[in-house]
Amino acid sequence: MSAGQRVAVGTGVSALVLALVMPLIMQSEGRSLKPYRDVGGVWTVCDGDTKNVEQRRYSPAECDQRLASNLYEHDADMRACLSVQLAPHVEAAMLSFTYNVGAKNFCGSTLRKRLEAGDVPAACAELSRWVYVAGKDCRDPANHCPGIVNRRARERALCEGRSSS
């Protein structure tokens, strides 16, 4: 990884990482201007935002602002427990994952431990294990939550430097 590709730990999310992660999150979450309960029963709005959701209609501009703000916050939380530098595509995949599962889950994960050990391929592979919602295995069609499986596949592809489409 060249110096131009690095983002120093603790300096904030880079424009390149944002450019990689935002489409992935928007595709994975879908945008809803009206609050709804997600598969886990949590009130959600905009692009999968579950924080301080008010029962009202949101504007696209409000959703854009919420997503950007949440990404900066999640990136800072993710970096707080990560001491290694990541290539932008790996960081973007991890940021999408952290946005979805929360920093506490990221920080306590085997996935993070593998990153810390420098084993990026194994860390990327760990993404495929995170396919449960509210205790349901989303690989089982009867559980009606294939979106998380698809999201993890896109995150893993990005992490591995493959097309995430």
Protein backbone atom coordinates (compact mmCIF):
# COMPACT_ATOMS: atom_id res chain seq x y z
CA MET A 1 0.00 0.00 0.00
CA SER A 2 1.53 3.33 -1.01
CA ALA A 3 1.45 6.41 1.20
CA GLY A 4 -1.11 7.97 -1.15
CA GLN A 5 -3.48 5.05 -0.53
CA ARG A 6 -3.21 5.15 3.26
CA VAL A 7 -5.52 6.94 5.60
CA ALA A 8 -3.79 7.52 8.90
CA VAL A 9 -5.58 5.92 11.82
CA GLY A 10 -7.56 8.55 13.69
CA THR A 11 -7.69 11.23 10.98
CA GLY A 12 -11.26 10.63 9.86
CA VAL A 13 -12.86 8.97 6.92
CA SER A 14 -11.37 9.86 3.54
CA ALA A 15 -13.29 11.03 0.50
CA LEU A 16 -12.25 7.84 -1.33
CA VAL A 17 -13.62 5.62 1.44
CA LEU A 18 -16.87 7.62 1.46
CA ALA A 19 -17.11 7.28 -2.33
CA LEU A 20 -16.76 3.50 -1.98
CA VAL A 21 -19.01 2.97 1.03
CA MET A 22 -21.95 5.28 0.34
CA PRO A 23 -23.26 3.45 -2.76
CA LEU A 24 -22.84 0.11 -0.99
CA ILE A 25 -24.85 1.30 2.01
CA MET A 26 -27.50 2.96 -0.14
CA GLN A 27 -27.87 -0.22 -2.22
CA SER A 28 -27.92 -2.45 0.85
CA GLU A 29 -30.23 -0.39 3.00
CA GLY A 30 -32.49 1.26 0.46
CA ARG A 31 -33.77 4.74 1.21
CA SER A 32 -37.04 5.25 3.01
CA LEU A 33 -38.23 8.75 3.82
CA LYS A 34 -40.86 7.26 6.13
CA PRO A 35 -39.84 5.40 9.32
CA TYR A 36 -40.43 1.64 9.32
CA ARG A 37 -39.57 -1.34 11.51
CA ASP A 38 -36.69 -3.37 10.12
CA VAL A 39 -36.46 -7.19 10.16
CA GLY A 40 -35.23 -7.00 13.76
CA GLY A 41 -38.15 -4.75 14.78
CA VAL A 42 -36.05 -1.58 15.12
CA TRP A 43 -37.44 1.78 13.93
CA THR A 44 -35.42 2.76 10.87
CA VAL A 45 -35.41 5.66 8.39
CA CYS A 46 -33.44 6.98 5.41
CA ASP A 47 -30.51 4.63 4.66
CA GLY A 48 -30.87 2.18 7.52
CA ASP A 49 -30.52 4.84 10.22
CA THR A 50 -31.84 3.67 13.59
CA LYS A 51 -30.65 6.59 15.70
CA ASN A 52 -33.20 9.06 17.09
CA VAL A 53 -35.85 8.17 14.52
CA GLU A 54 -38.84 10.51 14.71
CA GLN A 55 -42.23 9.39 13.44
CA ARG A 56 -42.41 11.82 10.52
CA ARG A 57 -41.46 12.06 6.84
CA TYR A 58 -37.82 12.96 6.16
CA SER A 59 -36.53 14.90 3.17
CA PRO A 60 -33.82 13.51 0.86
CA ALA A 61 -31.49 16.27 2.09
CA GLU A 62 -32.08 15.21 5.69
CA CYS A 63 -31.30 11.61 4.76
CA ASP A 64 -28.09 12.67 2.98
CA GLN A 65 -27.01 14.60 6.09
CA ARG A 66 -27.90 11.74 8.43
CA LEU A 67 -25.92 9.24 6.35
CA ALA A 68 -22.81 11.43 6.14
CA SER A 69 -22.93 12.21 9.86
CA ASN A 70 -23.44 8.56 10.77
CA LEU A 71 -20.57 7.44 8.56
CA TYR A 72 -18.15 9.86 10.20
CA GLU A 73 -19.31 8.71 13.62
CA HIS A 74 -19.11 5.00 12.79
CA ASP A 75 -15.69 5.45 11.21
CA ALA A 76 -14.38 7.16 14.36
CA ASP A 77 -15.86 4.41 16.54
CA MET A 78 -14.39 1.71 14.30
CA ARG A 79 -10.95 3.33 14.31
CA ALA A 80 -11.01 3.64 18.11
CA CYS A 81 -10.52 -0.12 18.41
CA LEU A 82 -8.37 -0.63 15.32
CA SER A 83 -4.66 0.09 15.38
CA VAL A 84 -3.78 -0.91 11.81
CA GLN A 85 -4.10 1.04 8.60
CA LEU A 86 -6.38 -0.38 5.95
CA ALA A 87 -6.50 -0.01 2.20
CA PRO A 88 -9.45 2.22 1.23
CA HIS A 89 -11.51 -0.66 -0.19
CA VAL A 90 -11.01 -2.71 2.97
CA GLU A 91 -11.84 0.26 5.18
CA ALA A 92 -14.99 0.94 3.15
CA ALA A 93 -16.14 -2.68 3.54
CA MET A 94 -15.45 -2.57 7.28
CA LEU A 95 -17.24 0.77 7.61
CA SER A 96 -20.33 -0.63 5.87
CA PHE A 97 -20.20 -3.62 8.21
CA THR A 98 -19.76 -1.39 11.29
CA TYR A 99 -22.59 0.86 10.12
CA ASN A 100 -24.81 -2.22 10.01
CA VAL A 101 -23.80 -4.10 13.18
CA GLY A 102 -22.45 -1.28 15.35
CA ALA A 103 -18.96 -0.51 16.61
CA LYS A 104 -19.32 -2.67 19.72
CA ASN A 105 -19.90 -5.76 17.58
CA PHE A 106 -17.10 -4.81 15.17
CA CYS A 107 -14.65 -4.14 18.00
CA GLY A 108 -15.36 -7.46 19.70
CA SER A 109 -15.29 -9.52 16.52
CA THR A 110 -12.89 -12.13 15.22
CA LEU A 111 -13.01 -10.10 12.02
CA ARG A 112 -11.28 -7.15 13.77
CA LYS A 113 -8.77 -9.49 15.41
CA ARG A 114 -7.85 -10.87 11.99
CA LEU A 115 -7.35 -7.32 10.67
CA GLU A 116 -5.12 -6.53 13.65
CA ALA A 117 -3.09 -9.66 12.89
CA GLY A 118 -2.61 -8.47 9.31
CA ASP A 119 -4.69 -11.31 7.84
CA VAL A 120 -6.96 -9.26 5.59
CA PRO A 121 -8.15 -12.23 3.47
CA ALA A 122 -9.34 -14.04 6.61
CA ALA A 123 -10.98 -10.85 7.88
CA CYS A 124 -12.82 -10.44 4.59
CA ALA A 125 -13.97 -14.07 4.78
CA GLU A 126 -15.38 -13.43 8.28
CA LEU A 127 -17.94 -11.06 6.76
CA SER A 128 -19.80 -14.05 5.33
CA ARG A 129 -20.44 -15.37 8.85
CA TRP A 130 -22.46 -12.30 9.92
CA VAL A 131 -25.78 -13.32 8.36
CA TYR A 132 -28.08 -13.46 11.38
CA VAL A 133 -30.83 -10.98 12.23
CA ALA A 134 -32.65 -11.23 15.55
CA GLY A 135 -31.29 -14.78 15.92
CA LYS A 136 -32.52 -15.86 12.47
CA ASP A 137 -30.12 -17.35 9.93
CA CYS A 138 -30.83 -15.26 6.85
CA ARG A 139 -29.39 -17.89 4.53
CA ASP A 140 -32.60 -19.84 5.21
CA PRO A 141 -35.27 -18.54 2.79
CA ALA A 142 -37.96 -19.27 5.39
CA ASN A 143 -36.57 -16.44 7.54
CA HIS A 144 -37.29 -13.81 4.86
CA CYS A 145 -34.12 -11.75 5.31
CA PRO A 146 -31.93 -12.38 2.23
CA GLY A 147 -30.86 -8.74 2.14
CA ILE A 148 -28.25 -9.27 4.84
CA VAL A 149 -26.72 -12.18 2.93
CA ASN A 150 -26.53 -10.06 -0.21
CA ARG A 151 -25.05 -7.15 1.76
CA ARG A 152 -22.33 -9.35 3.26
CA ALA A 153 -21.50 -10.69 -0.22
CA ARG A 154 -21.09 -7.10 -1.51
CA GLU A 155 -19.00 -6.12 1.54
CA ARG A 156 -16.80 -9.18 1.11
CA ALA A 157 -16.32 -8.52 -2.60
CA LEU A 158 -15.30 -4.93 -1.86
CA CYS A 159 -13.01 -6.05 0.96
CA GLU A 160 -11.34 -8.54 -1.38
CA GLY A 161 -10.97 -5.90 -4.10
CA ARG A 162 -13.53 -7.49 -6.40
CA SER A 163 -16.55 -5.81 -7.96
CA SER A 164 -19.26 -5.38 -5.33
CA SER A 165 -22.20 -5.19 -7.76
